[in-house]
């Protein structure tokens, strides 16, 4: 029984790590997109 609980805990930990990594990646790409958009706007102004 304890072995099963341990396995479940490990699975949950792996899952949360994966989700966090994905969220960080999405946040990073959003920041990049924002920077590119700002850069293009600046180019339009000048």
C-alpha atoms as a PDB file:
ATOM      1  CA  UNK A   1       0.000   0.000   0.000  1.00  0.00           C
ATOM      2  CA  UNK A   2       2.728   2.477   0.925  1.00  0.00           C
ATOM      3  CA  UNK A   3       4.509   1.605  -2.309  1.00  0.00           C
ATOM      4  CA  UNK A   4       1.431   2.609  -4.282  1.00  0.00           C
ATOM      5  CA  UNK A   5       1.171   5.904  -2.424  1.00  0.00           C
ATOM      6  CA  UNK A   6       4.838   6.583  -3.104  1.00  0.00           C
ATOM      7  CA  UNK A   7       4.332   5.872  -6.802  1.00  0.00           C
ATOM      8  CA  UNK A   8       1.339   8.191  -6.913  1.00  0.00           C
ATOM      9  CA  UNK A   9       3.302  10.948  -5.186  1.00  0.00           C
ATOM     10  CA  UNK A  10       6.141  10.602  -7.668  1.00  0.00           C
ATOM     11  CA  UNK A  11       3.700  10.734 -10.570  1.00  0.00           C
ATOM     12  CA  UNK A  12       2.090  13.872  -9.194  1.00  0.00           C
ATOM     13  CA  UNK A  13       5.483  15.486  -8.672  1.00  0.00           C
ATOM     14  CA  UNK A  14       6.545  14.682 -12.236  1.00  0.00           C
ATOM     15  CA  UNK A  15       3.259  16.012 -13.559  1.00  0.00           C
ATOM     16  CA  UNK A  16       3.482  19.298 -11.663  1.00  0.00           C
ATOM     17  CA  UNK A  17       7.088  19.750 -12.778  1.00  0.00           C
ATOM     18  CA  UNK A  18       6.068  19.169 -16.390  1.00  0.00           C
ATOM     19  CA  UNK A  19       3.162  21.613 -16.145  1.00  0.00           C
ATOM     20  CA  UNK A  20       5.358  24.251 -14.503  1.00  0.00           C
ATOM     21  CA  UNK A  21       7.989  23.885 -17.234  1.00  0.00           C
ATOM     22  CA  UNK A  22       5.296  24.261 -19.899  1.00  0.00           C
ATOM     23  CA  UNK A  23       3.886  27.341 -18.164  1.00  0.00           C
ATOM     24  CA  UNK A  24       7.365  28.880 -17.978  1.00  0.00           C
ATOM     25  CA  UNK A  25       7.938  28.196 -21.677  1.00  0.00           C
ATOM     26  CA  UNK A  26       4.616  29.806 -22.585  1.00  0.00           C
ATOM     27  CA  UNK A  27       5.424  32.829 -20.418  1.00  0.00           C
ATOM     28  CA  UNK A  28       8.844  33.162 -22.051  1.00  0.00           C
ATOM     29  CA  UNK A  29       7.473  33.030 -25.586  1.00  0.00           C
ATOM     30  CA  UNK A  30       4.799  35.571 -24.636  1.00  0.00           C
ATOM     31  CA  UNK A  31       7.505  37.919 -23.354  1.00  0.00           C
ATOM     32  CA  UNK A  32       9.471  37.463 -26.568  1.00  0.00           C
ATOM     33  CA  UNK A  33       6.395  38.203 -28.641  1.00  0.00           C
ATOM     34  CA  UNK A  34       5.759  41.328 -26.582  1.00  0.00           C
ATOM     35  CA  UNK A  35       9.330  42.508 -27.148  1.00  0.00           C
ATOM     36  CA  UNK A  36       9.057  41.919 -30.879  1.00  0.00           C
ATOM     37  CA  UNK A  37       5.771  43.840 -30.975  1.00  0.00           C
ATOM     38  CA  UNK A  38       7.333  46.775 -29.099  1.00  0.00           C
ATOM     39  CA  UNK A  39      10.341  46.700 -31.418  1.00  0.00           C
ATOM     40  CA  UNK A  40       8.105  46.799 -34.507  1.00  0.00           C
ATOM     41  CA  UNK A  41       6.106  49.699 -33.076  1.00  0.00           C
ATOM     42  CA  UNK A  42       9.308  51.623 -32.450  1.00  0.00           C
ATOM     43  CA  UNK A  43      10.396  50.972 -36.024  1.00  0.00           C
ATOM     44  CA  UNK A  44       7.075  52.349 -37.261  1.00  0.00           C
ATOM     45  CA  UNK A  45       7.538  55.528 -35.234  1.00  0.00           C
ATOM     46  CA  UNK A  46      11.053  56.209 -36.515  1.00  0.00           C
END
